[in-house]
Amino acid sequence: MDIKNTIKLLTDAKGVSGAENAACGVALDMLRKYCADAAIINGNVIGNLSEFKKDRKHLLLDAHIDQVGMIVTCITDDGFIKVGNVGGIDRRLLPAQQVTIHGKQDIKGVICSVPPHLSSGTQEVLKMTEVSIDAGMKKSELEKIVSHGDVISFDTSYSQLLGTRITAPSLDDRCGVASILYALELLSDSDNESKYNVTVLFSSQEELGERGARIAAFEINPDIAIAVDVSFGYADGETEYECGKLGKGAMIGISPSLSREISDELVETSKACNIPYQLEIMNGLTSTNADRFAVNRCGSKACTVSIPLRYMHTPVEVIDVEDVRMTAELLAAYIRGEVRK
C-alpha cells in the first residue's frame, strides 16, 4: 500500500461534517479490500475484519472521516455569501482564503479581505457573522446554484514537502483513516492470527461533538476502543512539552478518562517491537471519539493513538508520513498480541 497516495485520495475527497458522502465513498472502497462486509451505516463507514470468534475480545479501531468547514447562511443583495462555521474554524486565517462552495455544482470563491491600504491596522479577528465570500456572481446567478445550507470547504490540496512531510487539508483525520488501512494491510500480510475480533469505524461528525462515534459505539459495543486521531505537532512558537514531535512516532494517550491498562499495553507493545512512540498526557477529557467510547453502554476500555500534526483546523495541515506508518505498525502489533509474547 502506498501511504502517500492513500492520503492524497482521502484528502482530495471533500467531507465537511454532516456532508461526508464523498469522503465516505472513497474510504469505503479502500476498506472493502480488507472488510468484505464494509458498508455505510447511519453516515459511518463500518466493517468487520473477520468472522467473530467467541473466545476473543472485541476491539474497535476508529478514525473520523469528517473535516471542518463552513455552511451557507445567506446570500446578500450584493451577491456575497454569508457563512457559519462547521466545527472549530480558526477565524484568524480566513481573509483572502480560496474556498469551494458545494452547491448544485461546485463553484470557487474567495473570502473577502480589506486591503491594507484601506485598513487602520487595528482590525480584530473577524466574527463568523462578518465573514463573506465573493464568488464573482450576482445574487440572481448564485441562487440558481447555491442554496442555504450548502457546505463550503477550503480550496487547497495535497502537496509534497521535503522528505517525508506533506501538507493538505483534512489530514485531521484522513491520515488516521490511512493509518488504520495500512494496519489492515500489515495484518493481511502477517502469518500471525489476530488476538481480537476487530471492527473498523470511519466515523462521521466528530467535529460536531463526536456524534457519529456515539451512534456507532452503541451498536458495535466493543470491549476495547482505540481512537486514532491527530494531536498537536510541535512548531515554532508553541510550548514544546505540550506537543508531539513530527517523525517521532505515534502519541499514546494517557488520561484519567482513558483506560490506563490499554495505554500501558500500547507502550509495552511499542517497546517489544521497537516501534518509536511518544506519550500524550491529558488531564481530563481528550476531545476525541475516545470520550464517547469510554462511556458507551456499560463502558469500553478506551484509548487514543494520535499522529502529530501541525496547523490543526487550517487548510495547510502538515504531518510526517513516517508517523502514519509507525502508527499503523503499532496498531497491527497490538492486534497481533505482541505485548503478550
C-alpha atoms as a PDB file:
ATOM      1  CA  MET A   1       0.000   0.000   0.000  1.00  0.00           C
ATOM      2  CA  ASP A   2       1.301   3.439  -0.991  1.00  0.00           C
ATOM      3  CA  ILE A   3       0.561   5.515   2.120  1.00  0.00           C
ATOM      4  CA  LYS A   4       1.119   8.877   0.438  1.00  0.00           C
ATOM      5  CA  ASN A   5      -1.224   8.058  -2.436  1.00  0.00           C
ATOM      6  CA  THR A   6      -3.840   6.766   0.007  1.00  0.00           C
ATOM      7  CA  ILE A   7      -3.672  10.022   1.962  1.00  0.00           C
ATOM      8  CA  LYS A   8      -3.878  12.040  -1.258  1.00  0.00           C
ATOM      9  CA  LEU A   9      -7.012  10.218  -2.403  1.00  0.00           C
ATOM     10  CA  LEU A  10      -8.609  10.630   1.014  1.00  0.00           C
ATOM     11  CA  THR A  11      -7.793  14.344   1.346  1.00  0.00           C
ATOM     12  CA  ASP A  12      -8.877  15.068  -2.232  1.00  0.00           C
ATOM     13  CA  ALA A  13     -12.368  13.863  -1.309  1.00  0.00           C
ATOM     14  CA  LYS A  14     -14.421  16.544   0.413  1.00  0.00           C
ATOM     15  CA  GLY A  15     -16.343  15.662   3.547  1.00  0.00           C
ATOM     16  CA  VAL A  16     -17.348  18.593   5.738  1.00  0.00           C
ATOM     17  CA  SER A  17     -19.147  17.396   8.889  1.00  0.00           C
ATOM     18  CA  GLY A  18     -22.697  16.408   8.061  1.00  0.00           C
ATOM     19  CA  ALA A  19     -21.900  16.095   4.343  1.00  0.00           C
ATOM     20  CA  GLU A  20     -19.281  13.331   4.339  1.00  0.00           C
ATOM     21  CA  ASN A  21     -20.707  11.269   1.451  1.00  0.00           C
ATOM     22  CA  ALA A  22     -17.820  11.744  -0.996  1.00  0.00           C
ATOM     23  CA  ALA A  23     -15.126  11.027   1.594  1.00  0.00           C
ATOM     24  CA  CYS A  24     -17.092   8.046   2.947  1.00  0.00           C
ATOM     25  CA  GLY A  25     -17.328   6.604  -0.551  1.00  0.00           C
ATOM     26  CA  VAL A  26     -13.569   6.768  -1.088  1.00  0.00           C
ATOM     27  CA  ALA A  27     -12.841   5.269   2.345  1.00  0.00           C
ATOM     28  CA  LEU A  28     -15.444   2.528   1.856  1.00  0.00           C
ATOM     29  CA  ASP A  29     -13.860   1.406  -1.417  1.00  0.00           C
ATOM     30  CA  MET A  30     -10.480   1.186   0.313  1.00  0.00           C
ATOM     31  CA  LEU A  31     -11.839  -0.628   3.374  1.00  0.00           C
ATOM     32  CA  ARG A  32     -13.635  -3.315   1.362  1.00  0.00           C
ATOM     33  CA  LYS A  33     -10.257  -4.758   0.358  1.00  0.00           C
ATOM     34  CA  TYR A  34      -9.899  -5.917   3.979  1.00  0.00           C
ATOM     35  CA  CYS A  35     -13.508  -5.994   5.234  1.00  0.00           C
ATOM     36  CA  ALA A  36     -15.787  -7.510   2.625  1.00  0.00           C
ATOM     37  CA  ASP A  37     -18.914  -6.605   4.587  1.00  0.00           C
ATOM     38  CA  ALA A  38     -17.999  -2.922   4.977  1.00  0.00           C
ATOM     39  CA  ALA A  39     -20.899  -0.542   4.484  1.00  0.00           C
ATOM     40  CA  ILE A  40     -22.063   2.987   5.217  1.00  0.00           C
ATOM     41  CA  ILE A  41     -24.438   2.812   8.187  1.00  0.00           C
ATOM     42  CA  ASN A  42     -26.014   5.973   9.620  1.00  0.00           C
ATOM     43  CA  GLY A  43     -23.321   8.065   7.940  1.00  0.00           C
ATOM     44  CA  ASN A  44     -20.461   5.993   9.351  1.00  0.00           C
ATOM     45  CA  VAL A  45     -18.254   3.549   7.439  1.00  0.00           C
ATOM     46  CA  ILE A  46     -18.193   0.253   9.361  1.00  0.00           C
ATOM     47  CA  GLY A  47     -16.549  -3.083   8.569  1.00  0.00           C
ATOM     48  CA  ASN A  48     -15.551  -6.250  10.424  1.00  0.00           C
ATOM     49  CA  LEU A  49     -12.099  -7.662   9.794  1.00  0.00           C
ATOM     50  CA  SER A  50     -13.244 -11.303  10.032  1.00  0.00           C
ATOM     51  CA  GLU A  51     -15.893 -13.612  11.410  1.00  0.00           C
ATOM     52  CA  PHE A  52     -16.277 -13.170  15.168  1.00  0.00           C
ATOM     53  CA  LYS A  53     -14.928 -15.869  17.476  1.00  0.00           C
ATOM     54  CA  LYS A  54     -16.406 -16.346  20.947  1.00  0.00           C
ATOM     55  CA  ASP A  55     -13.057 -16.631  22.699  1.00  0.00           C
ATOM     56  CA  ARG A  56     -11.837 -13.218  21.563  1.00  0.00           C
ATOM     57  CA  LYS A  57     -12.449  -9.742  22.924  1.00  0.00           C
ATOM     58  CA  HIS A  58     -13.990  -7.202  20.590  1.00  0.00           C
ATOM     59  CA  LEU A  59     -11.656  -4.342  19.537  1.00  0.00           C
ATOM     60  CA  LEU A  60     -12.812  -1.217  17.719  1.00  0.00           C
ATOM     61  CA  LEU A  61     -10.411   0.830  15.587  1.00  0.00           C
ATOM     62  CA  ASP A  62     -11.777   4.282  14.831  1.00  0.00           C
ATOM     63  CA  ALA A  63     -10.750   7.357  12.849  1.00  0.00           C
ATOM     64  CA  HIS A  64     -13.137  10.147  11.948  1.00  0.00           C
ATOM     65  CA  ILE A  65     -13.811  10.859   8.290  1.00  0.00           C
ATOM     66  CA  ASP A  66     -15.231  14.394   8.533  1.00  0.00           C
ATOM     67  CA  GLN A  67     -13.440  17.735   8.263  1.00  0.00           C
ATOM     68  CA  VAL A  68     -14.102  21.283   9.423  1.00  0.00           C
ATOM     69  CA  GLY A  69     -15.656  23.734   7.006  1.00  0.00           C
ATOM     70  CA  MET A  70     -18.452  26.272   6.656  1.00  0.00           C
ATOM     71  CA  ILE A  71     -22.142  26.422   5.757  1.00  0.00           C
ATOM     72  CA  VAL A  72     -24.096  28.939   3.674  1.00  0.00           C
ATOM     73  CA  THR A  73     -26.430  31.032   5.828  1.00  0.00           C
ATOM     74  CA  CYS A  74     -27.409  33.864   3.473  1.00  0.00           C
ATOM     75  CA  ILE A  75     -26.868  35.382   0.025  1.00  0.00           C
ATOM     76  CA  THR A  76     -26.847  39.183   0.210  1.00  0.00           C
ATOM     77  CA  ASP A  77     -28.421  41.518  -2.313  1.00  0.00           C
ATOM     78  CA  ASP A  78     -24.891  42.440  -3.419  1.00  0.00           C
ATOM     79  CA  GLY A  79     -24.109  38.786  -4.250  1.00  0.00           C
ATOM     80  CA  PHE A  80     -21.933  37.915  -1.279  1.00  0.00           C
ATOM     81  CA  ILE A  81     -22.317  34.610   0.555  1.00  0.00           C
ATOM     82  CA  LYS A  82     -22.570  34.770   4.332  1.00  0.00           C
ATOM     83  CA  VAL A  83     -21.475  31.717   6.292  1.00  0.00           C
ATOM     84  CA  GLY A  84     -21.371  29.930   9.615  1.00  0.00           C
ATOM     85  CA  ASN A  85     -18.641  27.612  10.834  1.00  0.00           C
ATOM     86  CA  VAL A  86     -18.926  23.821  10.830  1.00  0.00           C
ATOM     87  CA  GLY A  87     -16.529  22.690  13.547  1.00  0.00           C
ATOM     88  CA  GLY A  88     -13.686  24.683  15.061  1.00  0.00           C
ATOM     89  CA  ILE A  89     -12.534  27.028  12.307  1.00  0.00           C
ATOM     90  CA  ASP A  90      -9.515  29.237  13.065  1.00  0.00           C
ATOM     91  CA  ARG A  91     -11.028  32.623  12.175  1.00  0.00           C
ATOM     92  CA  ARG A  92      -7.620  34.347  12.204  1.00  0.00           C
ATOM     93  CA  LEU A  93      -6.704  32.864   8.826  1.00  0.00           C
ATOM     94  CA  LEU A  94      -9.975  33.362   6.937  1.00  0.00           C
ATOM     95  CA  PRO A  95      -9.450  36.619   4.973  1.00  0.00           C
ATOM     96  CA  ALA A  96      -8.332  36.021   1.363  1.00  0.00           C
ATOM     97  CA  GLN A  97      -8.667  32.228   1.560  1.00  0.00           C
ATOM     98  CA  GLN A  98      -9.864  30.391  -1.530  1.00  0.00           C
ATOM     99  CA  VAL A  99     -12.885  28.130  -0.974  1.00  0.00           C
ATOM    100  CA  THR A 100     -15.206  25.778  -2.845  1.00  0.00           C
ATOM    101  CA  ILE A 101     -18.965  26.095  -2.393  1.00  0.00           C
ATOM    102  CA  HIS A 102     -20.629  22.707  -2.824  1.00  0.00           C
ATOM    103  CA  GLY A 103     -23.966  23.694  -4.360  1.00  0.00           C
ATOM    104  CA  LYS A 104     -25.831  22.136  -7.279  1.00  0.00           C
ATOM    105  CA  GLN A 105     -22.356  22.232  -8.767  1.00  0.00           C
ATOM    106  CA  ASP A 106     -19.036  23.119  -7.169  1.00  0.00           C
ATOM    107  CA  ILE A 107     -18.052  26.753  -7.621  1.00  0.00           C
ATOM    108  CA  LYS A 108     -14.990  28.659  -6.450  1.00  0.00           C
ATOM    109  CA  GLY A 109     -14.942  31.691  -4.237  1.00  0.00           C
ATOM    110  CA  VAL A 110     -12.650  33.843  -2.121  1.00  0.00           C
ATOM    111  CA  ILE A 111     -13.238  35.146   1.377  1.00  0.00           C
ATOM    112  CA  CYS A 112     -13.408  38.925   1.364  1.00  0.00           C
ATOM    113  CA  SER A 113     -10.410  40.804   2.735  1.00  0.00           C
ATOM    114  CA  VAL A 114      -9.948  44.521   3.406  1.00  0.00           C
ATOM    115  CA  PRO A 115      -6.824  45.767   1.536  1.00  0.00           C
ATOM    116  CA  PRO A 116      -4.075  47.005   3.863  1.00  0.00           C
ATOM    117  CA  HIS A 117      -4.290  50.443   2.198  1.00  0.00           C
ATOM    118  CA  LEU A 118      -7.873  50.836   3.449  1.00  0.00           C
ATOM    119  CA  SER A 119      -7.235  49.313   6.859  1.00  0.00           C
ATOM    120  CA  SER A 120      -6.375  51.162  10.034  1.00  0.00           C
ATOM    121  CA  GLY A 121      -4.112  48.271  11.018  1.00  0.00           C
ATOM    122  CA  THR A 122      -6.138  47.634  14.151  1.00  0.00           C
ATOM    123  CA  GLN A 123      -8.745  45.231  12.741  1.00  0.00           C
ATOM    124  CA  GLU A 124      -9.729  42.471  15.146  1.00  0.00           C
ATOM    125  CA  VAL A 125     -10.255  38.849  14.163  1.00  0.00           C
ATOM    126  CA  LEU A 126     -13.435  38.554  12.112  1.00  0.00           C
ATOM    127  CA  LYS A 127     -16.526  37.144  13.744  1.00  0.00           C
ATOM    128  CA  MET A 128     -18.152  34.403  11.662  1.00  0.00           C
ATOM    129  CA  THR A 129     -21.126  36.718  11.072  1.00  0.00           C
ATOM    130  CA  GLU A 130     -18.685  39.180   9.437  1.00  0.00           C
ATOM    131  CA  VAL A 131     -17.216  36.637   7.012  1.00  0.00           C
ATOM    132  CA  SER A 132     -18.339  36.985   3.383  1.00  0.00           C
ATOM    133  CA  ILE A 133     -17.441  35.006   0.269  1.00  0.00           C
ATOM    134  CA  ASP A 134     -17.132  36.537  -3.188  1.00  0.00           C
ATOM    135  CA  ALA A 135     -17.929  34.041  -5.956  1.00  0.00           C
ATOM    136  CA  GLY A 136     -17.947  36.689  -8.696  1.00  0.00           C
ATOM    137  CA  MET A 137     -21.684  36.379  -9.338  1.00  0.00           C
ATOM    138  CA  LYS A 138     -24.853  38.400  -8.848  1.00  0.00           C
ATOM    139  CA  LYS A 139     -27.424  37.233  -6.337  1.00  0.00           C
ATOM    140  CA  SER A 140     -29.746  36.035  -9.107  1.00  0.00           C
ATOM    141  CA  GLU A 141     -26.945  33.930 -10.599  1.00  0.00           C
ATOM    142  CA  LEU A 142     -25.853  32.491  -7.269  1.00  0.00           C
ATOM    143  CA  GLU A 143     -29.381  31.456  -6.281  1.00  0.00           C
ATOM    144  CA  LYS A 144     -29.526  29.123  -9.300  1.00  0.00           C
ATOM    145  CA  ILE A 145     -26.531  27.166  -7.935  1.00  0.00           C
ATOM    146  CA  VAL A 146     -26.181  27.842  -4.212  1.00  0.00           C
ATOM    147  CA  SER A 147     -28.787  27.155  -1.530  1.00  0.00           C
ATOM    148  CA  HIS A 148     -28.925  27.945   2.168  1.00  0.00           C
ATOM    149  CA  GLY A 149     -27.306  25.037   3.997  1.00  0.00           C
ATOM    150  CA  ASP A 150     -24.783  24.130   1.293  1.00  0.00           C
ATOM    151  CA  VAL A 151     -21.372  23.349   2.748  1.00  0.00           C
ATOM    152  CA  ILE A 152     -18.091  25.053   1.931  1.00  0.00           C
ATOM    153  CA  SER A 153     -14.561  23.666   2.054  1.00  0.00           C
ATOM    154  CA  PHE A 154     -11.145  25.255   1.732  1.00  0.00           C
ATOM    155  CA  ASP A 155      -9.792  25.090  -1.821  1.00  0.00           C
ATOM    156  CA  THR A 156      -6.364  23.642  -1.114  1.00  0.00           C
ATOM    157  CA  SER A 157      -4.908  20.260  -1.998  1.00  0.00           C
ATOM    158  CA  TYR A 158      -2.282  17.693  -1.112  1.00  0.00           C
ATOM    159  CA  SER A 159       1.320  18.840  -1.650  1.00  0.00           C
ATOM    160  CA  GLN A 160       4.618  17.098  -1.047  1.00  0.00           C
ATOM    161  CA  LEU A 161       7.071  18.939   1.191  1.00  0.00           C
ATOM    162  CA  LEU A 162      10.704  17.971   1.674  1.00  0.00           C
ATOM    163  CA  GLY A 163      11.453  14.428   2.766  1.00  0.00           C
ATOM    164  CA  THR A 164       8.500  12.521   4.194  1.00  0.00           C
ATOM    165  CA  ARG A 165       6.382  15.517   5.149  1.00  0.00           C
ATOM    166  CA  ILE A 166       3.216  16.538   3.367  1.00  0.00           C
ATOM    167  CA  THR A 167       0.614  19.277   3.628  1.00  0.00           C
ATOM    168  CA  ALA A 168      -3.090  19.007   2.853  1.00  0.00           C
ATOM    169  CA  PRO A 169      -6.490  19.991   4.193  1.00  0.00           C
ATOM    170  CA  SER A 170      -8.402  17.402   6.261  1.00  0.00           C
ATOM    171  CA  LEU A 171      -5.318  15.494   7.372  1.00  0.00           C
ATOM    172  CA  ASP A 172      -7.334  15.721  10.599  1.00  0.00           C
ATOM    173  CA  ASP A 173      -8.291  12.934  10.423  1.00  0.00           C
ATOM    174  CA  ARG A 174      -7.821  11.359   6.982  1.00  0.00           C
ATOM    175  CA  CYS A 175      -4.253  10.467   7.996  1.00  0.00           C
ATOM    176  CA  GLY A 176      -5.801   8.461  10.842  1.00  0.00           C
ATOM    177  CA  VAL A 177      -8.003   6.667   8.314  1.00  0.00           C
ATOM    178  CA  ALA A 178      -4.883   5.932   6.237  1.00  0.00           C
ATOM    179  CA  SER A 179      -3.019   4.559   9.258  1.00  0.00           C
ATOM    180  CA  ILE A 180      -5.842   2.115  10.027  1.00  0.00           C
ATOM    181  CA  LEU A 181      -5.951   0.993   6.393  1.00  0.00           C
ATOM    182  CA  TYR A 182      -2.200   0.403   6.434  1.00  0.00           C
ATOM    183  CA  ALA A 183      -2.514  -1.523   9.710  1.00  0.00           C
ATOM    184  CA  LEU A 184      -5.044  -3.797   7.986  1.00  0.00           C
ATOM    185  CA  GLU A 185      -2.597  -4.241   5.125  1.00  0.00           C
ATOM    186  CA  LEU A 186       0.110  -5.287   7.581  1.00  0.00           C
ATOM    187  CA  LEU A 187      -2.273  -7.728   9.258  1.00  0.00           C
ATOM    188  CA  SER A 188      -3.264  -9.245   5.920  1.00  0.00           C
ATOM    189  CA  ASP A 189       0.411  -9.891   5.139  1.00  0.00           C
ATOM    190  CA  SER A 190       1.098 -11.449   8.559  1.00  0.00           C
ATOM    191  CA  ASP A 191       1.155 -15.155   9.396  1.00  0.00           C
ATOM    192  CA  ASN A 192       0.131 -14.347  12.984  1.00  0.00           C
ATOM    193  CA  GLU A 193      -3.568 -14.557  13.771  1.00  0.00           C
ATOM    194  CA  SER A 194      -5.405 -11.615  15.294  1.00  0.00           C
ATOM    195  CA  LYS A 195      -5.969 -11.813  19.060  1.00  0.00           C
ATOM    196  CA  TYR A 196      -9.215  -9.826  18.754  1.00  0.00           C
ATOM    197  CA  ASN A 197     -12.467  -9.618  16.888  1.00  0.00           C
ATOM    198  CA  VAL A 198     -11.809  -6.348  15.060  1.00  0.00           C
ATOM    199  CA  THR A 199     -14.332  -3.784  13.834  1.00  0.00           C
ATOM    200  CA  VAL A 200     -13.215  -0.720  11.870  1.00  0.00           C
ATOM    201  CA  LEU A 201     -15.137   2.544  12.117  1.00  0.00           C
ATOM    202  CA  PHE A 202     -14.596   5.651   9.997  1.00  0.00           C
ATOM    203  CA  SER A 203     -16.928   7.924  11.916  1.00  0.00           C
ATOM    204  CA  SER A 204     -18.872  10.997  10.839  1.00  0.00           C
ATOM    205  CA  GLN A 205     -19.468  14.321  12.583  1.00  0.00           C
ATOM    206  CA  GLU A 206     -16.592  14.100  15.065  1.00  0.00           C
ATOM    207  CA  GLU A 207     -16.025  17.830  14.661  1.00  0.00           C
ATOM    208  CA  LEU A 208     -19.599  18.463  15.850  1.00  0.00           C
ATOM    209  CA  GLY A 209     -19.199  16.664  19.162  1.00  0.00           C
ATOM    210  CA  GLU A 210     -18.314  13.053  18.287  1.00  0.00           C
ATOM    211  CA  ARG A 211     -21.877  12.409  17.093  1.00  0.00           C
ATOM    212  CA  GLY A 212     -21.113   9.573  14.670  1.00  0.00           C
ATOM    213  CA  ALA A 213     -18.975   7.752  17.219  1.00  0.00           C
ATOM    214  CA  ARG A 214     -21.724   7.946  19.831  1.00  0.00           C
ATOM    215  CA  ILE A 215     -24.230   6.280  17.487  1.00  0.00           C
ATOM    216  CA  ALA A 216     -21.846   3.652  16.125  1.00  0.00           C
ATOM    217  CA  ALA A 217     -20.380   2.700  19.506  1.00  0.00           C
ATOM    218  CA  PHE A 218     -23.819   1.886  20.905  1.00  0.00           C
ATOM    219  CA  GLU A 219     -24.400  -0.541  18.025  1.00  0.00           C
ATOM    220  CA  ILE A 220     -20.882  -2.038  17.957  1.00  0.00           C
ATOM    221  CA  ASN A 221     -20.465  -2.204  21.764  1.00  0.00           C
ATOM    222  CA  PRO A 222     -16.744  -3.121  21.811  1.00  0.00           C
ATOM    223  CA  ASP A 223     -14.704  -4.295  24.805  1.00  0.00           C
ATOM    224  CA  ILE A 224     -11.746  -2.115  23.748  1.00  0.00           C
ATOM    225  CA  ALA A 225     -11.823   1.011  21.567  1.00  0.00           C
ATOM    226  CA  ILE A 226      -8.866   2.884  20.111  1.00  0.00           C
ATOM    227  CA  ALA A 227      -9.487   6.333  18.637  1.00  0.00           C
ATOM    228  CA  VAL A 228      -6.831   7.049  16.013  1.00  0.00           C
ATOM    229  CA  ASP A 229      -6.772  10.813  15.635  1.00  0.00           C
ATOM    230  CA  VAL A 230      -4.284  13.671  15.362  1.00  0.00           C
ATOM    231  CA  SER A 231      -2.778  15.829  18.063  1.00  0.00           C
ATOM    232  CA  PHE A 232      -0.621  18.925  18.206  1.00  0.00           C
ATOM    233  CA  GLY A 233       2.722  18.643  16.446  1.00  0.00           C
ATOM    234  CA  TYR A 234       5.398  20.997  17.718  1.00  0.00           C
ATOM    235  CA  ALA A 235       6.092  24.078  15.580  1.00  0.00           C
ATOM    236  CA  ASP A 236       7.826  27.397  16.136  1.00  0.00           C
ATOM    237  CA  GLY A 237       6.234  29.461  18.873  1.00  0.00           C
ATOM    238  CA  GLU A 238       4.483  26.612  20.678  1.00  0.00           C
ATOM    239  CA  THR A 239       5.148  25.118  24.099  1.00  0.00           C
ATOM    240  CA  GLU A 240       7.309  22.089  23.399  1.00  0.00           C
ATOM    241  CA  TYR A 241       6.147  19.825  26.212  1.00  0.00           C
ATOM    242  CA  GLU A 242       2.504  20.270  25.200  1.00  0.00           C
ATOM    243  CA  CYS A 243       3.144  18.886  21.715  1.00  0.00           C
ATOM    244  CA  GLY A 244       4.418  15.801  19.953  1.00  0.00           C
ATOM    245  CA  LYS A 245       7.360  15.819  17.555  1.00  0.00           C
ATOM    246  CA  LEU A 246       6.879  15.080  13.867  1.00  0.00           C
ATOM    247  CA  GLY A 247       8.679  11.920  12.774  1.00  0.00           C
ATOM    248  CA  LYS A 248       8.986  10.514  16.317  1.00  0.00           C
ATOM    249  CA  GLY A 249       6.061   8.100  16.202  1.00  0.00           C
ATOM    250  CA  ALA A 250       2.508   7.808  17.466  1.00  0.00           C
ATOM    251  CA  MET A 251       1.378   9.681  20.574  1.00  0.00           C
ATOM    252  CA  ILE A 252      -0.143   7.200  23.039  1.00  0.00           C
ATOM    253  CA  GLY A 253      -2.753   8.884  25.205  1.00  0.00           C
ATOM    254  CA  ILE A 254      -2.653   8.869  28.993  1.00  0.00           C
ATOM    255  CA  SER A 255      -5.594  10.493  30.748  1.00  0.00           C
ATOM    256  CA  PRO A 256      -7.898   9.893  33.721  1.00  0.00           C
ATOM    257  CA  SER A 257     -10.706   9.478  31.173  1.00  0.00           C
ATOM    258  CA  LEU A 258      -8.840   6.698  29.310  1.00  0.00           C
ATOM    259  CA  SER A 259      -8.010   3.120  30.237  1.00  0.00           C
ATOM    260  CA  ARG A 260      -4.532   3.087  31.767  1.00  0.00           C
ATOM    261  CA  GLU A 261      -4.456  -0.661  31.138  1.00  0.00           C
ATOM    262  CA  ILE A 262      -4.714  -0.153  27.355  1.00  0.00           C
ATOM    263  CA  SER A 263      -2.299   2.795  27.402  1.00  0.00           C
ATOM    264  CA  ASP A 264       0.283   0.646  29.195  1.00  0.00           C
ATOM    265  CA  GLU A 265      -0.249  -2.271  26.812  1.00  0.00           C
ATOM    266  CA  LEU A 266       0.307   0.007  23.818  1.00  0.00           C
ATOM    267  CA  VAL A 267       3.528   1.303  25.389  1.00  0.00           C
ATOM    268  CA  GLU A 268       4.680  -2.244  26.110  1.00  0.00           C
ATOM    269  CA  THR A 269       3.869  -3.244  22.534  1.00  0.00           C
ATOM    270  CA  SER A 270       5.909  -0.331  21.184  1.00  0.00           C
ATOM    271  CA  LYS A 271       8.891  -1.325  23.320  1.00  0.00           C
ATOM    272  CA  ALA A 272       8.602  -5.040  22.494  1.00  0.00           C
ATOM    273  CA  CYS A 273       8.514  -4.323  18.761  1.00  0.00           C
ATOM    274  CA  ASN A 274      10.996  -1.404  18.741  1.00  0.00           C
ATOM    275  CA  ILE A 275       8.351   0.948  17.356  1.00  0.00           C
ATOM    276  CA  PRO A 276       9.020   4.609  18.258  1.00  0.00           C
ATOM    277  CA  TYR A 277       6.286   6.254  20.311  1.00  0.00           C
ATOM    278  CA  GLN A 278       5.533   9.379  22.336  1.00  0.00           C
ATOM    279  CA  LEU A 279       3.257   9.995  25.285  1.00  0.00           C
ATOM    280  CA  GLU A 280       0.379  12.469  25.203  1.00  0.00           C
ATOM    281  CA  ILE A 281      -0.625  13.462  28.730  1.00  0.00           C
ATOM    282  CA  MET A 282      -4.145  14.877  29.111  1.00  0.00           C
ATOM    283  CA  ASN A 283      -5.663  15.962  32.402  1.00  0.00           C
ATOM    284  CA  GLY A 284      -9.305  15.229  31.592  1.00  0.00           C
ATOM    285  CA  LEU A 285     -11.360  14.508  28.502  1.00  0.00           C
ATOM    286  CA  THR A 286      -9.489  14.005  25.238  1.00  0.00           C
ATOM    287  CA  SER A 287     -11.829  15.861  22.822  1.00  0.00           C
ATOM    288  CA  THR A 288     -11.722  12.770  20.607  1.00  0.00           C
ATOM    289  CA  ASN A 289     -14.123   9.899  19.953  1.00  0.00           C
ATOM    290  CA  ALA A 290     -12.491   8.048  22.839  1.00  0.00           C
ATOM    291  CA  ASP A 291     -14.604  10.198  25.168  1.00  0.00           C
ATOM    292  CA  ARG A 292     -17.741   8.593  23.680  1.00  0.00           C
ATOM    293  CA  PHE A 293     -16.368   5.059  23.604  1.00  0.00           C
ATOM    294  CA  ALA A 294     -15.365   5.138  27.276  1.00  0.00           C
ATOM    295  CA  VAL A 295     -18.951   5.740  28.446  1.00  0.00           C
ATOM    296  CA  ASN A 296     -20.785   3.718  25.812  1.00  0.00           C
ATOM    297  CA  ARG A 297     -23.444   1.433  27.324  1.00  0.00           C
ATOM    298  CA  CYS A 298     -21.522  -0.123  30.246  1.00  0.00           C
ATOM    299  CA  GLY A 299     -18.259   1.417  29.024  1.00  0.00           C
ATOM    300  CA  SER A 300     -15.341   0.341  26.842  1.00  0.00           C
ATOM    301  CA  LYS A 301     -11.647   0.341  27.668  1.00  0.00           C
ATOM    302  CA  ALA A 302     -10.800   3.327  25.503  1.00  0.00           C
ATOM    303  CA  CYS A 303      -7.503   4.861  24.461  1.00  0.00           C
ATOM    304  CA  THR A 304      -6.160   7.340  21.938  1.00  0.00           C
ATOM    305  CA  VAL A 305      -3.322   6.868  19.472  1.00  0.00           C
ATOM    306  CA  SER A 306      -2.587  10.181  17.780  1.00  0.00           C
ATOM    307  CA  ILE A 307      -0.499  11.342  14.829  1.00  0.00           C
ATOM    308  CA  PRO A 308       1.404  14.627  15.418  1.00  0.00           C
ATOM    309  CA  LEU A 309       0.014  17.342  13.152  1.00  0.00           C
ATOM    310  CA  ARG A 310       0.934  20.991  12.699  1.00  0.00           C
ATOM    311  CA  TYR A 311      -1.523  23.839  11.995  1.00  0.00           C
ATOM    312  CA  MET A 312      -4.680  21.954  13.038  1.00  0.00           C
ATOM    313  CA  HIS A 313      -8.018  23.043  11.546  1.00  0.00           C
ATOM    314  CA  THR A 314      -6.364  25.085   8.811  1.00  0.00           C
ATOM    315  CA  PRO A 315      -6.142  24.479   5.035  1.00  0.00           C
ATOM    316  CA  VAL A 316      -2.415  23.664   5.333  1.00  0.00           C
ATOM    317  CA  GLU A 317      -2.125  20.945   7.965  1.00  0.00           C
ATOM    318  CA  VAL A 318       1.281  19.225   7.993  1.00  0.00           C
ATOM    319  CA  ILE A 319       2.292  15.700   9.018  1.00  0.00           C
ATOM    320  CA  ASP A 320       5.217  13.338   8.577  1.00  0.00           C
ATOM    321  CA  VAL A 321       4.111  10.227   6.679  1.00  0.00           C
ATOM    322  CA  GLU A 322       6.527   8.177   8.783  1.00  0.00           C
ATOM    323  CA  ASP A 323       4.271   8.825  11.779  1.00  0.00           C
ATOM    324  CA  VAL A 324       1.352   7.327   9.851  1.00  0.00           C
ATOM    325  CA  ARG A 325       3.442   4.259   9.088  1.00  0.00           C
ATOM    326  CA  MET A 326       4.634   3.860  12.682  1.00  0.00           C
ATOM    327  CA  THR A 327       1.091   4.308  13.990  1.00  0.00           C
ATOM    328  CA  ALA A 328      -0.080   1.522  11.692  1.00  0.00           C
ATOM    329  CA  GLU A 329       2.764  -0.732  12.821  1.00  0.00           C
ATOM    330  CA  LEU A 330       1.802  -0.167  16.461  1.00  0.00           C
ATOM    331  CA  LEU A 331      -1.876  -0.934  15.804  1.00  0.00           C
ATOM    332  CA  ALA A 332      -1.040  -4.100  13.854  1.00  0.00           C
ATOM    333  CA  ALA A 333       1.372  -5.305  16.540  1.00  0.00           C
ATOM    334  CA  TYR A 334      -1.203  -4.677  19.273  1.00  0.00           C
ATOM    335  CA  ILE A 335      -3.903  -6.585  17.373  1.00  0.00           C
ATOM    336  CA  ARG A 336      -1.491  -9.500  16.887  1.00  0.00           C
ATOM    337  CA  GLY A 337      -0.916  -9.530  20.636  1.00  0.00           C
ATOM    338  CA  GLU A 338       2.793  -8.753  20.537  1.00  0.00           C
ATOM    339  CA  VAL A 339       2.586  -7.350  24.083  1.00  0.00           C
ATOM    340  CA  ARG A 340       1.977 -10.826  25.462  1.00  0.00           C
ATOM    341  CA  LYS A 341       4.935 -12.514  23.751  1.00  0.00           C
END
